[in-house]
Structure formats: structure tokens, C-alpha cells
């Protein structure tokens, strides 16, 4: 999860042509990509650091919700584009659940 997020924000910060082109099709101005990359970099760093991982996961959830809303607004395909942010959110929280005993206690898979 963290490796994917690093790749994503690095592409946005590098201001690649594919990022600008895709952003335009989604209704974003080209200069917005770097700001989104910086926001994602901060969220990813918070998520990767164990003491702030839950805050990072909450912020990533909001960021990914914006991605879902953006794809919904431009009528992207449902399972491959619109729900991709949901898939990533489930992976982020699932990964956090696996490495945090307090989160496992709060959300057990089954009751004792």
C-alpha cells in the first residue's frame, strides 16, 4: 500500500505529462497535480509512521473519497475507476488493522 502511494505522489510531484493529461480529463487544472501530490505525500508519511498511522489512515480515507467523487462526477467506469479509491481504502485500513493490536481489539473479526 505504502509503495503504491509513494509511486502515486512521486508521479504527481514530478509533474509527468500523463498526470497532467489525466487530470484535465477529470476536470483538474494541470497545476493542481503537484498540490495533490504534496497532500498525498504528507498523508502517506503519517500512515507509514506507526505513532501517527491512524491519523494517516483517516486522512487517506478523505483523500480517496475525493478521488471517488471526482470519478463519479465525470461518469468513469464503476469497478475500475470509481471504486478504485474504495479498494485502496480497504487495503489501507486492512493493513493498519493487521499491524495494530489496539485496532484489532477495537474491531475484532469475531467475538470471543
N, C-alpha and C. Protein backbone atom coordinates (compact mmCIF):
# COMPACT_ATOMS: atom_id res chain seq x y z
N UNK A 1 0.83 -1.19 0.00
CA UNK A 1 0.00 0.00 0.00
C UNK A 1 0.87 1.25 0.00
N UNK A 2 1.84 1.27 0.89
CA UNK A 2 2.71 2.45 1.00
C UNK A 2 3.52 2.64 -0.27
N UNK A 3 4.01 1.54 -0.86
CA UNK A 3 4.78 1.64 -2.11
C UNK A 3 3.92 2.22 -3.23
N UNK A 4 2.66 1.80 -3.32
CA UNK A 4 1.76 2.35 -4.34
C UNK A 4 1.54 3.84 -4.12
N UNK A 5 1.33 4.24 -2.88
CA UNK A 5 1.09 5.65 -2.59
C UNK A 5 2.33 6.49 -2.89
N UNK A 6 3.51 5.95 -2.59
CA UNK A 6 4.75 6.67 -2.91
C UNK A 6 4.87 6.87 -4.42
N UNK A 7 4.58 5.81 -5.19
CA UNK A 7 4.62 5.93 -6.65
C UNK A 7 3.61 7.00 -7.12
N UNK A 8 2.43 6.99 -6.54
CA UNK A 8 1.39 7.92 -6.95
C UNK A 8 1.80 9.37 -6.67
N UNK A 9 2.26 9.66 -5.45
CA UNK A 9 2.60 11.05 -5.17
C UNK A 9 3.88 11.47 -5.89
N UNK A 10 4.80 10.52 -6.12
CA UNK A 10 6.01 10.87 -6.87
C UNK A 10 5.68 11.26 -8.31
N UNK A 11 4.74 10.55 -8.92
CA UNK A 11 4.32 10.90 -10.29
C UNK A 11 3.68 12.28 -10.32
N UNK A 12 2.89 12.59 -9.31
CA UNK A 12 2.24 13.90 -9.26
C UNK A 12 3.27 15.01 -9.01
N UNK A 13 4.20 14.77 -8.11
CA UNK A 13 5.22 15.78 -7.82
C UNK A 13 6.18 15.97 -8.99
N UNK A 14 6.42 14.92 -9.76
CA UNK A 14 7.30 15.00 -10.93
C UNK A 14 6.64 15.73 -12.09
N UNK A 15 5.35 15.99 -11.97
CA UNK A 15 4.60 16.73 -12.99
C UNK A 15 4.72 16.07 -14.36
N UNK A 16 4.45 14.75 -14.39
CA UNK A 16 4.52 14.00 -15.63
C UNK A 16 3.39 14.38 -16.57
N UNK A 17 3.63 14.25 -17.85
CA UNK A 17 2.63 14.58 -18.87
C UNK A 17 1.37 13.75 -18.70
N UNK A 18 1.51 12.46 -18.40
CA UNK A 18 0.35 11.59 -18.23
C UNK A 18 -0.51 12.06 -17.06
N UNK A 19 0.11 12.58 -16.02
CA UNK A 19 -0.63 13.09 -14.87
C UNK A 19 -1.41 14.35 -15.27
N UNK A 20 -0.77 15.25 -16.01
CA UNK A 20 -1.45 16.47 -16.45
C UNK A 20 -2.61 16.14 -17.39
N UNK A 21 -2.39 15.23 -18.33
CA UNK A 21 -3.42 14.86 -19.30
C UNK A 21 -4.61 14.20 -18.60
N UNK A 22 -4.33 13.27 -17.73
CA UNK A 22 -5.40 12.59 -17.00
C UNK A 22 -6.16 13.56 -16.11
N UNK A 23 -5.42 14.46 -15.47
CA UNK A 23 -6.07 15.46 -14.63
C UNK A 23 -7.03 16.35 -15.41
N UNK A 24 -6.64 16.72 -16.62
CA UNK A 24 -7.52 17.54 -17.45
C UNK A 24 -8.81 16.80 -17.79
N UNK A 25 -8.70 15.49 -18.08
CA UNK A 25 -9.92 14.73 -18.39
C UNK A 25 -10.84 14.60 -17.18
N UNK A 26 -10.26 14.73 -15.99
CA UNK A 26 -11.06 14.66 -14.76
C UNK A 26 -11.55 16.03 -14.30
N UNK A 27 -11.16 17.07 -15.02
CA UNK A 27 -11.61 18.41 -14.68
C UNK A 27 -10.66 19.19 -13.79
N UNK A 28 -9.45 18.70 -13.58
CA UNK A 28 -8.46 19.38 -12.75
C UNK A 28 -7.52 20.20 -13.62
N UNK A 29 -7.11 21.34 -13.11
CA UNK A 29 -6.11 22.15 -13.79
C UNK A 29 -4.75 21.49 -13.63
N UNK A 30 -3.84 21.61 -14.60
CA UNK A 30 -2.54 20.93 -14.53
C UNK A 30 -1.73 21.26 -13.27
N UNK A 31 -1.81 22.48 -12.81
CA UNK A 31 -1.01 22.86 -11.63
C UNK A 31 -1.54 22.24 -10.33
N UNK A 32 -2.71 21.65 -10.36
CA UNK A 32 -3.29 21.02 -9.19
C UNK A 32 -2.57 19.73 -8.82
N UNK A 33 -1.95 19.08 -9.79
CA UNK A 33 -1.32 17.77 -9.55
C UNK A 33 -0.25 17.85 -8.47
N UNK A 34 0.57 18.86 -8.51
CA UNK A 34 1.64 18.98 -7.50
C UNK A 34 1.07 19.18 -6.10
N UNK A 35 0.03 19.98 -5.98
CA UNK A 35 -0.61 20.16 -4.68
C UNK A 35 -1.19 18.85 -4.18
N UNK A 36 -1.89 18.12 -5.05
CA UNK A 36 -2.43 16.82 -4.65
C UNK A 36 -1.31 15.85 -4.28
N UNK A 37 -0.20 15.90 -5.01
CA UNK A 37 0.95 15.05 -4.69
C UNK A 37 1.53 15.37 -3.32
N UNK A 38 1.62 16.65 -3.00
CA UNK A 38 2.14 17.06 -1.69
C UNK A 38 1.20 16.62 -0.57
N UNK A 39 -0.10 16.77 -0.77
CA UNK A 39 -1.07 16.33 0.24
C UNK A 39 -0.97 14.83 0.43
N UNK A 40 -0.88 14.09 -0.67
CA UNK A 40 -0.77 12.64 -0.58
C UNK A 40 0.53 12.22 0.09
N UNK A 41 1.62 12.95 -0.16
CA UNK A 41 2.91 12.63 0.47
C UNK A 41 2.81 12.77 1.99
N UNK A 42 2.17 13.82 2.46
CA UNK A 42 2.00 14.03 3.90
C UNK A 42 1.12 12.92 4.49
N UNK A 43 0.02 12.62 3.84
CA UNK A 43 -0.87 11.56 4.33
C UNK A 43 -0.16 10.22 4.37
N UNK A 44 0.63 9.93 3.34
CA UNK A 44 1.36 8.67 3.28
C UNK A 44 2.41 8.60 4.38
N UNK A 45 3.12 9.68 4.61
CA UNK A 45 4.13 9.71 5.67
C UNK A 45 3.48 9.47 7.04
N UNK A 46 2.35 10.11 7.28
CA UNK A 46 1.64 9.89 8.54
C UNK A 46 1.17 8.45 8.66
N UNK A 47 0.70 7.88 7.57
CA UNK A 47 0.23 6.49 7.57
C UNK A 47 1.38 5.51 7.81
N UNK A 48 2.54 5.80 7.24
CA UNK A 48 3.69 4.89 7.34
C UNK A 48 4.32 4.90 8.74
N UNK A 49 4.25 6.02 9.44
CA UNK A 49 4.85 6.13 10.76
C UNK A 49 3.88 5.54 11.81
N UNK A 50 4.29 4.52 12.55
CA UNK A 50 3.37 3.83 13.46
C UNK A 50 2.63 4.73 14.46
N UNK A 51 3.29 5.74 15.01
CA UNK A 51 2.62 6.59 16.02
C UNK A 51 1.51 7.44 15.43
N UNK A 52 1.56 7.72 14.13
CA UNK A 52 0.53 8.57 13.50
C UNK A 52 -0.25 7.82 12.43
N UNK A 53 -0.15 6.48 12.44
CA UNK A 53 -0.74 5.69 11.36
C UNK A 53 -2.27 5.84 11.28
N UNK A 54 -2.94 5.91 12.41
CA UNK A 54 -4.40 6.03 12.37
C UNK A 54 -4.80 7.39 11.81
N UNK A 55 -4.12 8.45 12.23
CA UNK A 55 -4.39 9.77 11.65
C UNK A 55 -4.14 9.73 10.15
N UNK A 56 -3.05 9.11 9.73
CA UNK A 56 -2.75 8.99 8.31
C UNK A 56 -3.83 8.23 7.56
N UNK A 57 -4.35 7.16 8.16
CA UNK A 57 -5.41 6.38 7.52
C UNK A 57 -6.69 7.20 7.39
N UNK A 58 -7.01 7.97 8.40
CA UNK A 58 -8.20 8.84 8.34
C UNK A 58 -8.04 9.86 7.21
N UNK A 59 -6.86 10.50 7.14
CA UNK A 59 -6.63 11.49 6.09
C UNK A 59 -6.60 10.85 4.71
N UNK A 60 -6.02 9.67 4.59
CA UNK A 60 -6.03 8.95 3.31
C UNK A 60 -7.46 8.61 2.89
N UNK A 61 -8.29 8.25 3.86
CA UNK A 61 -9.69 7.95 3.56
C UNK A 61 -10.39 9.16 2.95
N UNK A 62 -10.14 10.33 3.51
CA UNK A 62 -10.70 11.56 2.94
C UNK A 62 -10.17 11.85 1.56
N UNK A 63 -8.86 11.68 1.37
CA UNK A 63 -8.24 11.91 0.06
C UNK A 63 -8.83 10.96 -0.97
N UNK A 64 -8.95 9.68 -0.61
CA UNK A 64 -9.50 8.70 -1.54
C UNK A 64 -10.98 8.94 -1.80
N UNK A 65 -11.69 9.46 -0.82
CA UNK A 65 -13.09 9.83 -1.04
C UNK A 65 -13.22 10.91 -2.11
N UNK A 66 -12.27 11.84 -2.11
CA UNK A 66 -12.26 12.86 -3.16
C UNK A 66 -12.01 12.26 -4.52
N UNK A 67 -11.16 11.24 -4.59
CA UNK A 67 -10.92 10.56 -5.86
C UNK A 67 -12.17 9.84 -6.35
N UNK A 68 -12.87 9.20 -5.43
CA UNK A 68 -14.13 8.53 -5.79
C UNK A 68 -15.13 9.55 -6.32
N UNK A 69 -15.27 10.67 -5.62
CA UNK A 69 -16.21 11.71 -6.04
C UNK A 69 -15.84 12.28 -7.40
N UNK A 70 -14.55 12.47 -7.64
CA UNK A 70 -14.10 13.01 -8.93
C UNK A 70 -14.46 12.06 -10.06
N UNK A 71 -14.20 10.78 -9.88
CA UNK A 71 -14.52 9.80 -10.93
C UNK A 71 -16.02 9.64 -11.10
N UNK A 72 -16.75 9.75 -10.04
CA UNK A 72 -18.21 9.67 -10.13
C UNK A 72 -18.76 10.86 -10.92
N UNK A 73 -18.17 12.03 -10.68
CA UNK A 73 -18.62 13.25 -11.36
C UNK A 73 -18.43 13.20 -12.87
N UNK A 74 -17.35 12.57 -13.33
CA UNK A 74 -17.08 12.52 -14.77
C UNK A 74 -17.59 11.23 -15.40
N UNK A 75 -18.37 10.45 -14.64
CA UNK A 75 -19.00 9.23 -15.14
C UNK A 75 -17.99 8.19 -15.61
N UNK A 76 -16.94 7.97 -14.81
CA UNK A 76 -15.96 6.93 -15.10
C UNK A 76 -16.59 5.56 -14.89
N UNK A 77 -15.95 4.50 -15.41
CA UNK A 77 -16.46 3.15 -15.16
C UNK A 77 -16.47 2.83 -13.67
N UNK A 78 -17.48 2.11 -13.23
CA UNK A 78 -17.70 1.87 -11.80
C UNK A 78 -16.60 1.05 -11.14
N UNK A 79 -16.37 -0.17 -11.60
CA UNK A 79 -15.50 -1.09 -10.87
C UNK A 79 -14.02 -0.79 -11.06
N UNK A 80 -13.63 -0.24 -12.18
CA UNK A 80 -12.21 0.01 -12.43
C UNK A 80 -11.75 1.40 -12.00
N UNK A 81 -12.63 2.38 -11.97
CA UNK A 81 -12.21 3.75 -11.68
C UNK A 81 -12.89 4.32 -10.43
N UNK A 82 -14.21 4.32 -10.42
CA UNK A 82 -14.93 4.93 -9.30
C UNK A 82 -14.62 4.23 -7.99
N UNK A 83 -14.66 2.90 -7.99
CA UNK A 83 -14.45 2.16 -6.75
C UNK A 83 -12.98 1.90 -6.43
N UNK A 84 -12.05 2.33 -7.28
CA UNK A 84 -10.63 2.09 -7.03
C UNK A 84 -10.20 2.74 -5.71
N UNK A 85 -10.68 3.93 -5.43
CA UNK A 85 -10.37 4.59 -4.16
C UNK A 85 -10.91 3.81 -2.97
N UNK A 86 -12.06 3.17 -3.14
CA UNK A 86 -12.62 2.33 -2.08
C UNK A 86 -11.72 1.12 -1.85
N UNK A 87 -11.27 0.50 -2.94
CA UNK A 87 -10.37 -0.66 -2.82
C UNK A 87 -9.10 -0.27 -2.05
N UNK A 88 -8.53 0.89 -2.40
CA UNK A 88 -7.32 1.34 -1.72
C UNK A 88 -7.59 1.63 -0.24
N UNK A 89 -8.73 2.22 0.04
CA UNK A 89 -9.09 2.49 1.43
C UNK A 89 -9.22 1.22 2.25
N UNK A 90 -9.83 0.20 1.67
CA UNK A 90 -9.95 -1.09 2.35
C UNK A 90 -8.57 -1.69 2.59
N UNK A 91 -7.68 -1.61 1.60
CA UNK A 91 -6.32 -2.10 1.77
C UNK A 91 -5.57 -1.31 2.85
N UNK A 92 -5.74 0.00 2.86
CA UNK A 92 -5.06 0.83 3.86
C UNK A 92 -5.50 0.46 5.27
N UNK A 93 -6.81 0.39 5.48
CA UNK A 93 -7.31 0.06 6.81
C UNK A 93 -7.04 -1.39 7.16
N UNK A 94 -7.10 -2.29 6.18
CA UNK A 94 -6.78 -3.69 6.43
C UNK A 94 -5.33 -3.85 6.85
N UNK A 95 -4.43 -3.17 6.16
CA UNK A 95 -3.02 -3.22 6.53
C UNK A 95 -2.77 -2.65 7.91
N UNK A 96 -3.46 -1.58 8.22
CA UNK A 96 -3.32 -0.97 9.55
C UNK A 96 -3.87 -1.90 10.62
N UNK A 97 -5.00 -2.54 10.32
CA UNK A 97 -5.60 -3.47 11.28
C UNK A 97 -4.64 -4.63 11.56
N UNK A 98 -3.96 -5.11 10.52
CA UNK A 98 -3.02 -6.23 10.70
C UNK A 98 -1.82 -5.87 11.56
N UNK A 99 -1.40 -4.61 11.56
CA UNK A 99 -0.20 -4.24 12.31
C UNK A 99 -0.48 -3.51 13.62
N UNK A 100 -1.73 -3.32 13.98
CA UNK A 100 -2.06 -2.57 15.19
C UNK A 100 -3.00 -3.39 16.08
N UNK A 101 -2.46 -3.88 17.20
CA UNK A 101 -3.24 -4.72 18.11
C UNK A 101 -4.43 -3.96 18.71
N UNK A 102 -4.27 -2.66 18.95
CA UNK A 102 -5.37 -1.87 19.51
C UNK A 102 -6.54 -1.80 18.52
N UNK A 103 -6.22 -1.67 17.25
CA UNK A 103 -7.27 -1.64 16.23
C UNK A 103 -7.94 -3.01 16.11
N UNK A 104 -7.16 -4.08 16.26
CA UNK A 104 -7.73 -5.43 16.25
C UNK A 104 -8.67 -5.64 17.43
N UNK A 105 -8.31 -5.08 18.57
CA UNK A 105 -9.18 -5.19 19.75
C UNK A 105 -10.45 -4.38 19.56
N UNK A 106 -10.33 -3.24 18.89
CA UNK A 106 -11.49 -2.38 18.66
C UNK A 106 -12.43 -2.98 17.62
N UNK A 107 -11.87 -3.61 16.60
CA UNK A 107 -12.66 -4.25 15.53
C UNK A 107 -12.24 -5.70 15.37
N UNK A 108 -12.67 -6.59 16.28
CA UNK A 108 -12.29 -7.99 16.16
C UNK A 108 -13.02 -8.66 14.98
N UNK A 109 -12.37 -9.66 14.40
CA UNK A 109 -13.02 -10.40 13.32
C UNK A 109 -14.19 -11.22 13.83
N UNK A 110 -14.04 -11.70 15.06
CA UNK A 110 -15.13 -12.43 15.69
C UNK A 110 -15.10 -12.15 17.18
N UNK A 111 -16.22 -12.32 17.78
CA UNK A 111 -16.34 -12.06 19.21
C UNK A 111 -15.84 -13.27 19.99
N UNK A 112 -15.24 -13.01 21.14
CA UNK A 112 -14.74 -14.10 21.98
C UNK A 112 -15.84 -14.83 22.68
